[in-house]
Amino acid sequence: VILCVVCGLFAFAMTQAMSPSPIG
């Protein structure tokens, strides 16, 4: 559960930092 939360937050941060395209 903790890893799911951490991975979700990390994914959100990377989505904002990387290319705004759907592929990115």
PDBML (XML) file of the C-alpha atoms, coordinates in Angstrom:
<?xml version="1.0" encoding="UTF-8" ?>
<PDBx:datablock datablockName="MODEL"
   xmlns:PDBx="http://pdbml.pdb.org/schema/pdbx-v50.xsd"
   xmlns:xsi="http://www.w3.org/2001/XMLSchema-instance"
   xsi:schemaLocation="http://pdbml.pdb.org/schema/pdbx-v50.xsd pdbx-v50.xsd">
   <PDBx:atom_siteCategory>
      <PDBx:atom_site id="1">
         <PDBx:B_iso_or_equiv>0.00</PDBx:B_iso_or_equiv>
         <PDBx:Cartn_x>0.000</PDBx:Cartn_x>
         <PDBx:Cartn_y>0.000</PDBx:Cartn_y>
         <PDBx:Cartn_z>0.000</PDBx:Cartn_z>
         <PDBx:auth_asym_id>A</PDBx:auth_asym_id>
         <PDBx:auth_atom_id>CA</PDBx:auth_atom_id>
         <PDBx:auth_comp_id>VAL</PDBx:auth_comp_id>
         <PDBx:auth_seq_id>1</PDBx:auth_seq_id>
         <PDBx:group_PDB>ATOM</PDBx:group_PDB>
         <PDBx:label_alt_id xsi:nil="true" />
         <PDBx:label_asym_id>A</PDBx:label_asym_id>
         <PDBx:label_atom_id>CA</PDBx:label_atom_id>
         <PDBx:label_comp_id>VAL</PDBx:label_comp_id>
         <PDBx:label_entity_id>1</PDBx:label_entity_id>
         <PDBx:label_seq_id>1</PDBx:label_seq_id>
         <PDBx:occupancy>1.00</PDBx:occupancy>
         <PDBx:pdbx_PDB_model_num>1</PDBx:pdbx_PDB_model_num>
         <PDBx:type_symbol>C</PDBx:type_symbol>
      </PDBx:atom_site>
      <PDBx:atom_site id="2">
         <PDBx:B_iso_or_equiv>0.00</PDBx:B_iso_or_equiv>
         <PDBx:Cartn_x>2.809</PDBx:Cartn_x>
         <PDBx:Cartn_y>2.401</PDBx:Cartn_y>
         <PDBx:Cartn_z>0.889</PDBx:Cartn_z>
         <PDBx:auth_asym_id>A</PDBx:auth_asym_id>
         <PDBx:auth_atom_id>CA</PDBx:auth_atom_id>
         <PDBx:auth_comp_id>ILE</PDBx:auth_comp_id>
         <PDBx:auth_seq_id>2</PDBx:auth_seq_id>
         <PDBx:group_PDB>ATOM</PDBx:group_PDB>
         <PDBx:label_alt_id xsi:nil="true" />
         <PDBx:label_asym_id>A</PDBx:label_asym_id>
         <PDBx:label_atom_id>CA</PDBx:label_atom_id>
         <PDBx:label_comp_id>ILE</PDBx:label_comp_id>
         <PDBx:label_entity_id>1</PDBx:label_entity_id>
         <PDBx:label_seq_id>2</PDBx:label_seq_id>
         <PDBx:occupancy>1.00</PDBx:occupancy>
         <PDBx:pdbx_PDB_model_num>1</PDBx:pdbx_PDB_model_num>
         <PDBx:type_symbol>C</PDBx:type_symbol>
      </PDBx:atom_site>
      <PDBx:atom_site id="3">
         <PDBx:B_iso_or_equiv>0.00</PDBx:B_iso_or_equiv>
         <PDBx:Cartn_x>4.587</PDBx:Cartn_x>
         <PDBx:Cartn_y>1.668</PDBx:Cartn_y>
         <PDBx:Cartn_z>-2.386</PDBx:Cartn_z>
         <PDBx:auth_asym_id>A</PDBx:auth_asym_id>
         <PDBx:auth_atom_id>CA</PDBx:auth_atom_id>
         <PDBx:auth_comp_id>LEU</PDBx:auth_comp_id>
         <PDBx:auth_seq_id>3</PDBx:auth_seq_id>
         <PDBx:group_PDB>ATOM</PDBx:group_PDB>
         <PDBx:label_alt_id xsi:nil="true" />
         <PDBx:label_asym_id>A</PDBx:label_asym_id>
         <PDBx:label_atom_id>CA</PDBx:label_atom_id>
         <PDBx:label_comp_id>LEU</PDBx:label_comp_id>
         <PDBx:label_entity_id>1</PDBx:label_entity_id>
         <PDBx:label_seq_id>3</PDBx:label_seq_id>
         <PDBx:occupancy>1.00</PDBx:occupancy>
         <PDBx:pdbx_PDB_model_num>1</PDBx:pdbx_PDB_model_num>
         <PDBx:type_symbol>C</PDBx:type_symbol>
      </PDBx:atom_site>
      <PDBx:atom_site id="4">
         <PDBx:B_iso_or_equiv>0.00</PDBx:B_iso_or_equiv>
         <PDBx:Cartn_x>1.346</PDBx:Cartn_x>
         <PDBx:Cartn_y>2.284</PDBx:Cartn_y>
         <PDBx:Cartn_z>-4.301</PDBx:Cartn_z>
         <PDBx:auth_asym_id>A</PDBx:auth_asym_id>
         <PDBx:auth_atom_id>CA</PDBx:auth_atom_id>
         <PDBx:auth_comp_id>CYS</PDBx:auth_comp_id>
         <PDBx:auth_seq_id>4</PDBx:auth_seq_id>
         <PDBx:group_PDB>ATOM</PDBx:group_PDB>
         <PDBx:label_alt_id xsi:nil="true" />
         <PDBx:label_asym_id>A</PDBx:label_asym_id>
         <PDBx:label_atom_id>CA</PDBx:label_atom_id>
         <PDBx:label_comp_id>CYS</PDBx:label_comp_id>
         <PDBx:label_entity_id>1</PDBx:label_entity_id>
         <PDBx:label_seq_id>4</PDBx:label_seq_id>
         <PDBx:occupancy>1.00</PDBx:occupancy>
         <PDBx:pdbx_PDB_model_num>1</PDBx:pdbx_PDB_model_num>
         <PDBx:type_symbol>C</PDBx:type_symbol>
      </PDBx:atom_site>
      <PDBx:atom_site id="5">
         <PDBx:B_iso_or_equiv>0.00</PDBx:B_iso_or_equiv>
         <PDBx:Cartn_x>1.003</PDBx:Cartn_x>
         <PDBx:Cartn_y>5.711</PDBx:Cartn_y>
         <PDBx:Cartn_z>-2.685</PDBx:Cartn_z>
         <PDBx:auth_asym_id>A</PDBx:auth_asym_id>
         <PDBx:auth_atom_id>CA</PDBx:auth_atom_id>
         <PDBx:auth_comp_id>VAL</PDBx:auth_comp_id>
         <PDBx:auth_seq_id>5</PDBx:auth_seq_id>
         <PDBx:group_PDB>ATOM</PDBx:group_PDB>
         <PDBx:label_alt_id xsi:nil="true" />
         <PDBx:label_asym_id>A</PDBx:label_asym_id>
         <PDBx:label_atom_id>CA</PDBx:label_atom_id>
         <PDBx:label_comp_id>VAL</PDBx:label_comp_id>
         <PDBx:label_entity_id>1</PDBx:label_entity_id>
         <PDBx:label_seq_id>5</PDBx:label_seq_id>
         <PDBx:occupancy>1.00</PDBx:occupancy>
         <PDBx:pdbx_PDB_model_num>1</PDBx:pdbx_PDB_model_num>
         <PDBx:type_symbol>C</PDBx:type_symbol>
      </PDBx:atom_site>
      <PDBx:atom_site id="6">
         <PDBx:B_iso_or_equiv>0.00</PDBx:B_iso_or_equiv>
         <PDBx:Cartn_x>4.653</PDBx:Cartn_x>
         <PDBx:Cartn_y>6.601</PDBx:Cartn_y>
         <PDBx:Cartn_z>-3.254</PDBx:Cartn_z>
         <PDBx:auth_asym_id>A</PDBx:auth_asym_id>
         <PDBx:auth_atom_id>CA</PDBx:auth_atom_id>
         <PDBx:auth_comp_id>VAL</PDBx:auth_comp_id>
         <PDBx:auth_seq_id>6</PDBx:auth_seq_id>
         <PDBx:group_PDB>ATOM</PDBx:group_PDB>
         <PDBx:label_alt_id xsi:nil="true" />
         <PDBx:label_asym_id>A</PDBx:label_asym_id>
         <PDBx:label_atom_id>CA</PDBx:label_atom_id>
         <PDBx:label_comp_id>VAL</PDBx:label_comp_id>
         <PDBx:label_entity_id>1</PDBx:label_entity_id>
         <PDBx:label_seq_id>6</PDBx:label_seq_id>
         <PDBx:occupancy>1.00</PDBx:occupancy>
         <PDBx:pdbx_PDB_model_num>1</PDBx:pdbx_PDB_model_num>
         <PDBx:type_symbol>C</PDBx:type_symbol>
      </PDBx:atom_site>
      <PDBx:atom_site id="7">
         <PDBx:B_iso_or_equiv>0.00</PDBx:B_iso_or_equiv>
         <PDBx:Cartn_x>4.559</PDBx:Cartn_x>
         <PDBx:Cartn_y>5.411</PDBx:Cartn_y>
         <PDBx:Cartn_z>-6.886</PDBx:Cartn_z>
         <PDBx:auth_asym_id>A</PDBx:auth_asym_id>
         <PDBx:auth_atom_id>CA</PDBx:auth_atom_id>
         <PDBx:auth_comp_id>CYS</PDBx:auth_comp_id>
         <PDBx:auth_seq_id>7</PDBx:auth_seq_id>
         <PDBx:group_PDB>ATOM</PDBx:group_PDB>
         <PDBx:label_alt_id xsi:nil="true" />
         <PDBx:label_asym_id>A</PDBx:label_asym_id>
         <PDBx:label_atom_id>CA</PDBx:label_atom_id>
         <PDBx:label_comp_id>CYS</PDBx:label_comp_id>
         <PDBx:label_entity_id>1</PDBx:label_entity_id>
         <PDBx:label_seq_id>7</PDBx:label_seq_id>
         <PDBx:occupancy>1.00</PDBx:occupancy>
         <PDBx:pdbx_PDB_model_num>1</PDBx:pdbx_PDB_model_num>
         <PDBx:type_symbol>C</PDBx:type_symbol>
      </PDBx:atom_site>
      <PDBx:atom_site id="8">
         <PDBx:B_iso_or_equiv>0.00</PDBx:B_iso_or_equiv>
         <PDBx:Cartn_x>1.369</PDBx:Cartn_x>
         <PDBx:Cartn_y>7.372</PDBx:Cartn_y>
         <PDBx:Cartn_z>-7.494</PDBx:Cartn_z>
         <PDBx:auth_asym_id>A</PDBx:auth_asym_id>
         <PDBx:auth_atom_id>CA</PDBx:auth_atom_id>
         <PDBx:auth_comp_id>GLY</PDBx:auth_comp_id>
         <PDBx:auth_seq_id>8</PDBx:auth_seq_id>
         <PDBx:group_PDB>ATOM</PDBx:group_PDB>
         <PDBx:label_alt_id xsi:nil="true" />
         <PDBx:label_asym_id>A</PDBx:label_asym_id>
         <PDBx:label_atom_id>CA</PDBx:label_atom_id>
         <PDBx:label_comp_id>GLY</PDBx:label_comp_id>
         <PDBx:label_entity_id>1</PDBx:label_entity_id>
         <PDBx:label_seq_id>8</PDBx:label_seq_id>
         <PDBx:occupancy>1.00</PDBx:occupancy>
         <PDBx:pdbx_PDB_model_num>1</PDBx:pdbx_PDB_model_num>
         <PDBx:type_symbol>C</PDBx:type_symbol>
      </PDBx:atom_site>
      <PDBx:atom_site id="9">
         <PDBx:B_iso_or_equiv>0.00</PDBx:B_iso_or_equiv>
         <PDBx:Cartn_x>2.880</PDBx:Cartn_x>
         <PDBx:Cartn_y>10.587</PDBx:Cartn_y>
         <PDBx:Cartn_z>-6.152</PDBx:Cartn_z>
         <PDBx:auth_asym_id>A</PDBx:auth_asym_id>
         <PDBx:auth_atom_id>CA</PDBx:auth_atom_id>
         <PDBx:auth_comp_id>LEU</PDBx:auth_comp_id>
         <PDBx:auth_seq_id>9</PDBx:auth_seq_id>
         <PDBx:group_PDB>ATOM</PDBx:group_PDB>
         <PDBx:label_alt_id xsi:nil="true" />
         <PDBx:label_asym_id>A</PDBx:label_asym_id>
         <PDBx:label_atom_id>CA</PDBx:label_atom_id>
         <PDBx:label_comp_id>LEU</PDBx:label_comp_id>
         <PDBx:label_entity_id>1</PDBx:label_entity_id>
         <PDBx:label_seq_id>9</PDBx:label_seq_id>
         <PDBx:occupancy>1.00</PDBx:occupancy>
         <PDBx:pdbx_PDB_model_num>1</PDBx:pdbx_PDB_model_num>
         <PDBx:type_symbol>C</PDBx:type_symbol>
      </PDBx:atom_site>
      <PDBx:atom_site id="10">
         <PDBx:B_iso_or_equiv>0.00</PDBx:B_iso_or_equiv>
         <PDBx:Cartn_x>6.083</PDBx:Cartn_x>
         <PDBx:Cartn_y>9.981</PDBx:Cartn_y>
         <PDBx:Cartn_z>-8.096</PDBx:Cartn_z>
         <PDBx:auth_asym_id>A</PDBx:auth_asym_id>
         <PDBx:auth_atom_id>CA</PDBx:auth_atom_id>
         <PDBx:auth_comp_id>PHE</PDBx:auth_comp_id>
         <PDBx:auth_seq_id>10</PDBx:auth_seq_id>
         <PDBx:group_PDB>ATOM</PDBx:group_PDB>
         <PDBx:label_alt_id xsi:nil="true" />
         <PDBx:label_asym_id>A</PDBx:label_asym_id>
         <PDBx:label_atom_id>CA</PDBx:label_atom_id>
         <PDBx:label_comp_id>PHE</PDBx:label_comp_id>
         <PDBx:label_entity_id>1</PDBx:label_entity_id>
         <PDBx:label_seq_id>10</PDBx:label_seq_id>
         <PDBx:occupancy>1.00</PDBx:occupancy>
         <PDBx:pdbx_PDB_model_num>1</PDBx:pdbx_PDB_model_num>
         <PDBx:type_symbol>C</PDBx:type_symbol>
      </PDBx:atom_site>
      <PDBx:atom_site id="11">
         <PDBx:B_iso_or_equiv>0.00</PDBx:B_iso_or_equiv>
         <PDBx:Cartn_x>4.104</PDBx:Cartn_x>
         <PDBx:Cartn_y>9.325</PDBx:Cartn_y>
         <PDBx:Cartn_z>-11.291</PDBx:Cartn_z>
         <PDBx:auth_asym_id>A</PDBx:auth_asym_id>
         <PDBx:auth_atom_id>CA</PDBx:auth_atom_id>
         <PDBx:auth_comp_id>ALA</PDBx:auth_comp_id>
         <PDBx:auth_seq_id>11</PDBx:auth_seq_id>
         <PDBx:group_PDB>ATOM</PDBx:group_PDB>
         <PDBx:label_alt_id xsi:nil="true" />
         <PDBx:label_asym_id>A</PDBx:label_asym_id>
         <PDBx:label_atom_id>CA</PDBx:label_atom_id>
         <PDBx:label_comp_id>ALA</PDBx:label_comp_id>
         <PDBx:label_entity_id>1</PDBx:label_entity_id>
         <PDBx:label_seq_id>11</PDBx:label_seq_id>
         <PDBx:occupancy>1.00</PDBx:occupancy>
         <PDBx:pdbx_PDB_model_num>1</PDBx:pdbx_PDB_model_num>
         <PDBx:type_symbol>C</PDBx:type_symbol>
      </PDBx:atom_site>
      <PDBx:atom_site id="12">
         <PDBx:B_iso_or_equiv>0.00</PDBx:B_iso_or_equiv>
         <PDBx:Cartn_x>2.175</PDBx:Cartn_x>
         <PDBx:Cartn_y>12.563</PDBx:Cartn_y>
         <PDBx:Cartn_z>-10.845</PDBx:Cartn_z>
         <PDBx:auth_asym_id>A</PDBx:auth_asym_id>
         <PDBx:auth_atom_id>CA</PDBx:auth_atom_id>
         <PDBx:auth_comp_id>PHE</PDBx:auth_comp_id>
         <PDBx:auth_seq_id>12</PDBx:auth_seq_id>
         <PDBx:group_PDB>ATOM</PDBx:group_PDB>
         <PDBx:label_alt_id xsi:nil="true" />
         <PDBx:label_asym_id>A</PDBx:label_asym_id>
         <PDBx:label_atom_id>CA</PDBx:label_atom_id>
         <PDBx:label_comp_id>PHE</PDBx:label_comp_id>
         <PDBx:label_entity_id>1</PDBx:label_entity_id>
         <PDBx:label_seq_id>12</PDBx:label_seq_id>
         <PDBx:occupancy>1.00</PDBx:occupancy>
         <PDBx:pdbx_PDB_model_num>1</PDBx:pdbx_PDB_model_num>
         <PDBx:type_symbol>C</PDBx:type_symbol>
      </PDBx:atom_site>
      <PDBx:atom_site id="13">
         <PDBx:B_iso_or_equiv>0.00</PDBx:B_iso_or_equiv>
         <PDBx:Cartn_x>5.379</PDBx:Cartn_x>
         <PDBx:Cartn_y>14.541</PDBx:Cartn_y>
         <PDBx:Cartn_z>-10.312</PDBx:Cartn_z>
         <PDBx:auth_asym_id>A</PDBx:auth_asym_id>
         <PDBx:auth_atom_id>CA</PDBx:auth_atom_id>
         <PDBx:auth_comp_id>ALA</PDBx:auth_comp_id>
         <PDBx:auth_seq_id>13</PDBx:auth_seq_id>
         <PDBx:group_PDB>ATOM</PDBx:group_PDB>
         <PDBx:label_alt_id xsi:nil="true" />
         <PDBx:label_asym_id>A</PDBx:label_asym_id>
         <PDBx:label_atom_id>CA</PDBx:label_atom_id>
         <PDBx:label_comp_id>ALA</PDBx:label_comp_id>
         <PDBx:label_entity_id>1</PDBx:label_entity_id>
         <PDBx:label_seq_id>13</PDBx:label_seq_id>
         <PDBx:occupancy>1.00</PDBx:occupancy>
         <PDBx:pdbx_PDB_model_num>1</PDBx:pdbx_PDB_model_num>
         <PDBx:type_symbol>C</PDBx:type_symbol>
      </PDBx:atom_site>
      <PDBx:atom_site id="14">
         <PDBx:B_iso_or_equiv>0.00</PDBx:B_iso_or_equiv>
         <PDBx:Cartn_x>7.054</PDBx:Cartn_x>
         <PDBx:Cartn_y>13.023</PDBx:Cartn_y>
         <PDBx:Cartn_z>-13.357</PDBx:Cartn_z>
         <PDBx:auth_asym_id>A</PDBx:auth_asym_id>
         <PDBx:auth_atom_id>CA</PDBx:auth_atom_id>
         <PDBx:auth_comp_id>MET</PDBx:auth_comp_id>
         <PDBx:auth_seq_id>14</PDBx:auth_seq_id>
         <PDBx:group_PDB>ATOM</PDBx:group_PDB>
         <PDBx:label_alt_id xsi:nil="true" />
         <PDBx:label_asym_id>A</PDBx:label_asym_id>
         <PDBx:label_atom_id>CA</PDBx:label_atom_id>
         <PDBx:label_comp_id>MET</PDBx:label_comp_id>
         <PDBx:label_entity_id>1</PDBx:label_entity_id>
         <PDBx:label_seq_id>14</PDBx:label_seq_id>
         <PDBx:occupancy>1.00</PDBx:occupancy>
         <PDBx:pdbx_PDB_model_num>1</PDBx:pdbx_PDB_model_num>
         <PDBx:type_symbol>C</PDBx:type_symbol>
      </PDBx:atom_site>
      <PDBx:atom_site id="15">
         <PDBx:B_iso_or_equiv>0.00</PDBx:B_iso_or_equiv>
         <PDBx:Cartn_x>3.960</PDBx:Cartn_x>
         <PDBx:Cartn_y>13.620</PDBx:Cartn_y>
         <PDBx:Cartn_z>-15.480</PDBx:Cartn_z>
         <PDBx:auth_asym_id>A</PDBx:auth_asym_id>
         <PDBx:auth_atom_id>CA</PDBx:auth_atom_id>
         <PDBx:auth_comp_id>THR</PDBx:auth_comp_id>
         <PDBx:auth_seq_id>15</PDBx:auth_seq_id>
         <PDBx:group_PDB>ATOM</PDBx:group_PDB>
         <PDBx:label_alt_id xsi:nil="true" />
         <PDBx:label_asym_id>A</PDBx:label_asym_id>
         <PDBx:label_atom_id>CA</PDBx:label_atom_id>
         <PDBx:label_comp_id>THR</PDBx:label_comp_id>
         <PDBx:label_entity_id>1</PDBx:label_entity_id>
         <PDBx:label_seq_id>15</PDBx:label_seq_id>
         <PDBx:occupancy>1.00</PDBx:occupancy>
         <PDBx:pdbx_PDB_model_num>1</PDBx:pdbx_PDB_model_num>
         <PDBx:type_symbol>C</PDBx:type_symbol>
      </PDBx:atom_site>
      <PDBx:atom_site id="16">
         <PDBx:B_iso_or_equiv>0.00</PDBx:B_iso_or_equiv>
         <PDBx:Cartn_x>4.150</PDBx:Cartn_x>
         <PDBx:Cartn_y>17.316</PDBx:Cartn_y>
         <PDBx:Cartn_z>-14.622</PDBx:Cartn_z>
         <PDBx:auth_asym_id>A</PDBx:auth_asym_id>
         <PDBx:auth_atom_id>CA</PDBx:auth_atom_id>
         <PDBx:auth_comp_id>GLN</PDBx:auth_comp_id>
         <PDBx:auth_seq_id>16</PDBx:auth_seq_id>
         <PDBx:group_PDB>ATOM</PDBx:group_PDB>
         <PDBx:label_alt_id xsi:nil="true" />
         <PDBx:label_asym_id>A</PDBx:label_asym_id>
         <PDBx:label_atom_id>CA</PDBx:label_atom_id>
         <PDBx:label_comp_id>GLN</PDBx:label_comp_id>
         <PDBx:label_entity_id>1</PDBx:label_entity_id>
         <PDBx:label_seq_id>16</PDBx:label_seq_id>
         <PDBx:occupancy>1.00</PDBx:occupancy>
         <PDBx:pdbx_PDB_model_num>1</PDBx:pdbx_PDB_model_num>
         <PDBx:type_symbol>C</PDBx:type_symbol>
      </PDBx:atom_site>
      <PDBx:atom_site id="17">
         <PDBx:B_iso_or_equiv>0.00</PDBx:B_iso_or_equiv>
         <PDBx:Cartn_x>7.879</PDBx:Cartn_x>
         <PDBx:Cartn_y>17.502</PDBx:Cartn_y>
         <PDBx:Cartn_z>-15.240</PDBx:Cartn_z>
         <PDBx:auth_asym_id>A</PDBx:auth_asym_id>
         <PDBx:auth_atom_id>CA</PDBx:auth_atom_id>
         <PDBx:auth_comp_id>ALA</PDBx:auth_comp_id>
         <PDBx:auth_seq_id>17</PDBx:auth_seq_id>
         <PDBx:group_PDB>ATOM</PDBx:group_PDB>
         <PDBx:label_alt_id xsi:nil="true" />
         <PDBx:label_asym_id>A</PDBx:label_asym_id>
         <PDBx:label_atom_id>CA</PDBx:label_atom_id>
         <PDBx:label_comp_id>ALA</PDBx:label_comp_id>
         <PDBx:label_entity_id>1</PDBx:label_entity_id>
         <PDBx:label_seq_id>17</PDBx:label_seq_id>
         <PDBx:occupancy>1.00</PDBx:occupancy>
         <PDBx:pdbx_PDB_model_num>1</PDBx:pdbx_PDB_model_num>
         <PDBx:type_symbol>C</PDBx:type_symbol>
      </PDBx:atom_site>
      <PDBx:atom_site id="18">
         <PDBx:B_iso_or_equiv>0.00</PDBx:B_iso_or_equiv>
         <PDBx:Cartn_x>8.080</PDBx:Cartn_x>
         <PDBx:Cartn_y>15.544</PDBx:Cartn_y>
         <PDBx:Cartn_z>-18.471</PDBx:Cartn_z>
         <PDBx:auth_asym_id>A</PDBx:auth_asym_id>
         <PDBx:auth_atom_id>CA</PDBx:auth_atom_id>
         <PDBx:auth_comp_id>MET</PDBx:auth_comp_id>
         <PDBx:auth_seq_id>18</PDBx:auth_seq_id>
         <PDBx:group_PDB>ATOM</PDBx:group_PDB>
         <PDBx:label_alt_id xsi:nil="true" />
         <PDBx:label_asym_id>A</PDBx:label_asym_id>
         <PDBx:label_atom_id>CA</PDBx:label_atom_id>
         <PDBx:label_comp_id>MET</PDBx:label_comp_id>
         <PDBx:label_entity_id>1</PDBx:label_entity_id>
         <PDBx:label_seq_id>18</PDBx:label_seq_id>
         <PDBx:occupancy>1.00</PDBx:occupancy>
         <PDBx:pdbx_PDB_model_num>1</PDBx:pdbx_PDB_model_num>
         <PDBx:type_symbol>C</PDBx:type_symbol>
      </PDBx:atom_site>
      <PDBx:atom_site id="19">
         <PDBx:B_iso_or_equiv>0.00</PDBx:B_iso_or_equiv>
         <PDBx:Cartn_x>6.529</PDBx:Cartn_x>
         <PDBx:Cartn_y>16.121</PDBx:Cartn_y>
         <PDBx:Cartn_z>-21.887</PDBx:Cartn_z>
         <PDBx:auth_asym_id>A</PDBx:auth_asym_id>
         <PDBx:auth_atom_id>CA</PDBx:auth_atom_id>
         <PDBx:auth_comp_id>SER</PDBx:auth_comp_id>
         <PDBx:auth_seq_id>19</PDBx:auth_seq_id>
         <PDBx:group_PDB>ATOM</PDBx:group_PDB>
         <PDBx:label_alt_id xsi:nil="true" />
         <PDBx:label_asym_id>A</PDBx:label_asym_id>
         <PDBx:label_atom_id>CA</PDBx:label_atom_id>
         <PDBx:label_comp_id>SER</PDBx:label_comp_id>
         <PDBx:label_entity_id>1</PDBx:label_entity_id>
         <PDBx:label_seq_id>19</PDBx:label_seq_id>
         <PDBx:occupancy>1.00</PDBx:occupancy>
         <PDBx:pdbx_PDB_model_num>1</PDBx:pdbx_PDB_model_num>
         <PDBx:type_symbol>C</PDBx:type_symbol>
      </PDBx:atom_site>
      <PDBx:atom_site id="20">
         <PDBx:B_iso_or_equiv>0.00</PDBx:B_iso_or_equiv>
         <PDBx:Cartn_x>2.896</PDBx:Cartn_x>
         <PDBx:Cartn_y>17.235</PDBx:Cartn_y>
         <PDBx:Cartn_z>-21.624</PDBx:Cartn_z>
         <PDBx:auth_asym_id>A</PDBx:auth_asym_id>
         <PDBx:auth_atom_id>CA</PDBx:auth_atom_id>
         <PDBx:auth_comp_id>PRO</PDBx:auth_comp_id>
         <PDBx:auth_seq_id>20</PDBx:auth_seq_id>
         <PDBx:group_PDB>ATOM</PDBx:group_PDB>
         <PDBx:label_alt_id xsi:nil="true" />
         <PDBx:label_asym_id>A</PDBx:label_asym_id>
         <PDBx:label_atom_id>CA</PDBx:label_atom_id>
         <PDBx:label_comp_id>PRO</PDBx:label_comp_id>
         <PDBx:label_entity_id>1</PDBx:label_entity_id>
         <PDBx:label_seq_id>20</PDBx:label_seq_id>
         <PDBx:occupancy>1.00</PDBx:occupancy>
         <PDBx:pdbx_PDB_model_num>1</PDBx:pdbx_PDB_model_num>
         <PDBx:type_symbol>C</PDBx:type_symbol>
      </PDBx:atom_site>
      <PDBx:atom_site id="21">
         <PDBx:B_iso_or_equiv>0.00</PDBx:B_iso_or_equiv>
         <PDBx:Cartn_x>1.924</PDBx:Cartn_x>
         <PDBx:Cartn_y>14.857</PDBx:Cartn_y>
         <PDBx:Cartn_z>-24.437</PDBx:Cartn_z>
         <PDBx:auth_asym_id>A</PDBx:auth_asym_id>
         <PDBx:auth_atom_id>CA</PDBx:auth_atom_id>
         <PDBx:auth_comp_id>SER</PDBx:auth_comp_id>
         <PDBx:auth_seq_id>21</PDBx:auth_seq_id>
         <PDBx:group_PDB>ATOM</PDBx:group_PDB>
         <PDBx:label_alt_id xsi:nil="true" />
         <PDBx:label_asym_id>A</PDBx:label_asym_id>
         <PDBx:label_atom_id>CA</PDBx:label_atom_id>
         <PDBx:label_comp_id>SER</PDBx:label_comp_id>
         <PDBx:label_entity_id>1</PDBx:label_entity_id>
         <PDBx:label_seq_id>21</PDBx:label_seq_id>
         <PDBx:occupancy>1.00</PDBx:occupancy>
         <PDBx:pdbx_PDB_model_num>1</PDBx:pdbx_PDB_model_num>
         <PDBx:type_symbol>C</PDBx:type_symbol>
      </PDBx:atom_site>
      <PDBx:atom_site id="22">
         <PDBx:B_iso_or_equiv>0.00</PDBx:B_iso_or_equiv>
         <PDBx:Cartn_x>-0.116</PDBx:Cartn_x>
         <PDBx:Cartn_y>11.706</PDBx:Cartn_y>
         <PDBx:Cartn_z>-23.616</PDBx:Cartn_z>
         <PDBx:auth_asym_id>A</PDBx:auth_asym_id>
         <PDBx:auth_atom_id>CA</PDBx:auth_atom_id>
         <PDBx:auth_comp_id>PRO</PDBx:auth_comp_id>
         <PDBx:auth_seq_id>22</PDBx:auth_seq_id>
         <PDBx:group_PDB>ATOM</PDBx:group_PDB>
         <PDBx:label_alt_id xsi:nil="true" />
         <PDBx:label_asym_id>A</PDBx:label_asym_id>
         <PDBx:label_atom_id>CA</PDBx:label_atom_id>
         <PDBx:label_comp_id>PRO</PDBx:label_comp_id>
         <PDBx:label_entity_id>1</PDBx:label_entity_id>
         <PDBx:label_seq_id>22</PDBx:label_seq_id>
         <PDBx:occupancy>1.00</PDBx:occupancy>
         <PDBx:pdbx_PDB_model_num>1</PDBx:pdbx_PDB_model_num>
         <PDBx:type_symbol>C</PDBx:type_symbol>
      </PDBx:atom_site>
      <PDBx:atom_site id="23">
         <PDBx:B_iso_or_equiv>0.00</PDBx:B_iso_or_equiv>
         <PDBx:Cartn_x>2.831</PDBx:Cartn_x>
         <PDBx:Cartn_y>9.513</PDBx:Cartn_y>
         <PDBx:Cartn_z>-24.657</PDBx:Cartn_z>
         <PDBx:auth_asym_id>A</PDBx:auth_asym_id>
         <PDBx:auth_atom_id>CA</PDBx:auth_atom_id>
         <PDBx:auth_comp_id>ILE</PDBx:auth_comp_id>
         <PDBx:auth_seq_id>23</PDBx:auth_seq_id>
         <PDBx:group_PDB>ATOM</PDBx:group_PDB>
         <PDBx:label_alt_id xsi:nil="true" />
         <PDBx:label_asym_id>A</PDBx:label_asym_id>
         <PDBx:label_atom_id>CA</PDBx:label_atom_id>
         <PDBx:label_comp_id>ILE</PDBx:label_comp_id>
         <PDBx:label_entity_id>1</PDBx:label_entity_id>
         <PDBx:label_seq_id>23</PDBx:label_seq_id>
         <PDBx:occupancy>1.00</PDBx:occupancy>
         <PDBx:pdbx_PDB_model_num>1</PDBx:pdbx_PDB_model_num>
         <PDBx:type_symbol>C</PDBx:type_symbol>
      </PDBx:atom_site>
      <PDBx:atom_site id="24">
         <PDBx:B_iso_or_equiv>0.00</PDBx:B_iso_or_equiv>
         <PDBx:Cartn_x>5.174</PDBx:Cartn_x>
         <PDBx:Cartn_y>11.343</PDBx:Cartn_y>
         <PDBx:Cartn_z>-22.283</PDBx:Cartn_z>
         <PDBx:auth_asym_id>A</PDBx:auth_asym_id>
         <PDBx:auth_atom_id>CA</PDBx:auth_atom_id>
         <PDBx:auth_comp_id>GLY</PDBx:auth_comp_id>
         <PDBx:auth_seq_id>24</PDBx:auth_seq_id>
         <PDBx:group_PDB>ATOM</PDBx:group_PDB>
         <PDBx:label_alt_id xsi:nil="true" />
         <PDBx:label_asym_id>A</PDBx:label_asym_id>
         <PDBx:label_atom_id>CA</PDBx:label_atom_id>
         <PDBx:label_comp_id>GLY</PDBx:label_comp_id>
         <PDBx:label_entity_id>1</PDBx:label_entity_id>
         <PDBx:label_seq_id>24</PDBx:label_seq_id>
         <PDBx:occupancy>1.00</PDBx:occupancy>
         <PDBx:pdbx_PDB_model_num>1</PDBx:pdbx_PDB_model_num>
         <PDBx:type_symbol>C</PDBx:type_symbol>
      </PDBx:atom_site>
   </PDBx:atom_siteCategory>
</PDBx:datablock>
